Protein backbone atom coordinates (compact mmCIF):
# COMPACT_ATOMS: atom_id res chain seq x y z
CA MET A 1 9.95 -25.71 23.49
CA VAL A 2 11.18 -29.55 23.75
CA THR A 3 15.03 -29.39 25.17
CA LYS A 4 17.75 -32.00 23.41
CA ASP A 5 17.05 -34.11 26.69
CA GLU A 6 13.57 -34.24 26.20
CA PHE A 7 13.83 -35.29 22.57
CA ALA A 8 16.57 -37.73 23.11
CA SER A 9 14.33 -40.65 23.57
CA CYS A 10 12.40 -39.42 20.30
CA GLY A 11 15.62 -39.75 18.24
CA LYS A 12 16.15 -43.19 19.90
CA ILE A 13 13.01 -44.28 18.41
CA ILE A 14 13.10 -43.06 14.68
CA ARG A 15 16.30 -44.91 14.49
CA GLU A 16 14.93 -47.68 16.35
CA GLU A 17 11.94 -47.77 13.95
CA ARG A 18 13.86 -47.03 11.02
CA GLN A 19 16.44 -50.39 11.64
CA ARG A 20 12.80 -52.49 12.69
CA HIS A 21 11.69 -51.48 9.16
CA GLY A 22 15.42 -52.53 7.27
CA TYR A 23 16.03 -49.04 6.11
CA ILE A 24 19.15 -47.34 6.22
CA ARG A 25 19.82 -44.02 7.10
CA GLU A 26 20.55 -42.95 3.49
CA THR A 27 17.46 -43.79 2.33
CA ILE A 28 15.36 -41.91 4.88
CA ALA A 29 17.28 -39.30 4.61
CA GLU A 30 16.77 -38.97 0.80
CA ARG A 31 13.06 -39.87 1.14
CA ALA A 32 12.76 -36.58 3.90
CA ASN A 33 15.16 -34.53 1.98
CA ILE A 34 17.17 -33.73 4.73
CA SER A 35 21.23 -34.82 4.58
CA THR A 36 22.19 -37.97 6.26
CA ARG A 37 24.63 -36.77 8.63
CA TYR A 38 21.79 -34.48 10.12
CA LEU A 39 19.58 -37.58 10.05
CA ALA A 40 22.22 -39.28 12.36
CA ALA A 41 22.25 -35.98 14.43
CA ILE A 42 18.30 -36.31 14.96
CA GLU A 43 18.65 -40.09 15.94
CA LEU A 44 21.78 -39.48 18.52
CA GLY A 45 19.57 -36.76 20.33
CA GLU A 46 22.36 -34.27 19.18
CA LYS A 47 19.91 -32.11 16.88
CA ILE A 48 15.51 -31.59 17.69
CA PRO A 49 14.15 -30.94 13.95
CA LYS A 50 11.29 -28.88 12.90
CA ALA A 51 7.96 -30.44 13.01
CA ASP A 52 8.04 -30.45 9.00
CA VAL A 53 11.36 -32.59 9.01
CA LEU A 54 9.82 -34.61 11.71
CA ILE A 55 6.52 -35.51 10.34
CA ARG A 56 8.92 -36.02 6.52
CA ILE A 57 10.98 -38.60 8.69
CA ILE A 58 7.92 -40.33 9.95
CA GLN A 59 6.49 -40.32 6.55
CA SER A 60 9.27 -41.99 5.09
CA ILE A 61 9.49 -44.73 7.60
CA GLY A 62 6.29 -45.06 7.46
CA ILE A 63 5.29 -45.23 11.11
CA SER A 64 2.15 -43.52 12.95
CA ALA A 65 3.45 -40.30 14.71
CA ASP A 66 2.31 -41.91 18.06
CA ARG A 67 5.24 -44.29 18.18
CA ILE A 68 7.37 -40.85 18.56
CA VAL A 69 5.07 -38.20 20.32
CA TYR A 70 3.87 -40.95 22.94
CA PRO A 71 6.68 -43.04 23.75
CA LEU A 72 5.48 -44.34 26.67
CA GLN A 73 2.52 -45.91 25.23
CA PRO A 74 2.44 -49.77 25.32
CA HIS A 75 2.90 -51.36 21.69
CA ASN A 76 -0.15 -53.86 22.77
CA GLU A 77 -2.97 -52.97 20.07
CA VAL A 78 -5.17 -55.89 21.58
CA GLU A 79 -5.22 -53.75 24.83
CA TYR A 80 -5.76 -50.46 22.59
CA ALA A 81 -8.66 -52.59 21.29
CA ARG A 82 -10.13 -53.49 24.50
CA LEU A 83 -9.94 -50.31 26.56
CA ALA A 84 -11.90 -48.55 23.13
CA ARG A 85 -14.59 -51.22 23.38
CA LEU A 86 -14.99 -50.53 26.83
CA ILE A 87 -14.90 -46.85 26.67
CA MET A 88 -17.47 -47.03 23.73
CA THR A 89 -19.94 -49.14 26.01
CA CYS A 90 -19.86 -45.98 28.61
CA THR A 91 -22.40 -42.91 28.15
CA PRO A 92 -21.40 -39.66 27.30
CA LEU A 93 -20.94 -38.55 30.89
CA GLU A 94 -19.11 -41.68 32.18
CA GLN A 95 -16.92 -40.91 29.19
CA ASN A 96 -16.04 -37.36 30.22
CA LEU A 97 -15.76 -38.97 33.52
CA ILE A 98 -12.60 -41.22 32.18
CA ALA A 99 -11.25 -38.39 30.05
CA SER A 100 -10.90 -36.58 33.33
CA ILE A 101 -9.16 -39.41 35.31
CA ILE A 102 -6.90 -39.57 33.30
CA ASP A 103 -6.31 -35.73 32.89
CA THR A 104 -5.48 -35.80 37.02
CA ILE A 105 -3.48 -38.58 36.42
CA ILE A 106 -0.94 -36.91 33.80
CA ASP A 107 -1.51 -33.95 35.69
CA ASN A 108 -0.04 -35.68 38.88
CA ARG A 109 2.48 -37.48 37.14
CA ASN A 110 4.07 -34.35 35.67
CA ILE A 111 3.65 -32.53 39.21
CA GLU A 112 5.58 -35.29 40.77
CA GLU A 113 8.20 -35.38 37.55
CA LYS A 114 8.61 -31.77 38.66
CA MET A 115 9.48 -32.62 42.48
């Protein structure tokens, strides 16, 4: 289960994306079928929405769920495309090795964060 502290950055991203797209809270709350007060609490990290509510908010703003779920990712689509092209040139074995390396990096980061 996600804690309020862990979700706080997600709420901040929701607020930033809503504002970046020029929406007011009332518009997104109405589209997502939630109260404006509840949306404000989510954006401020005071409330953690259930999955269906989070999906409705994301769809109401028109953003990718990746923006919320993977907030540490850089927003450089050119770099993503370059990495994808490089990976596509690899053999299936090499692609598995790349995936294993990434898994190891993530696992080690998670262990270090717990220390």
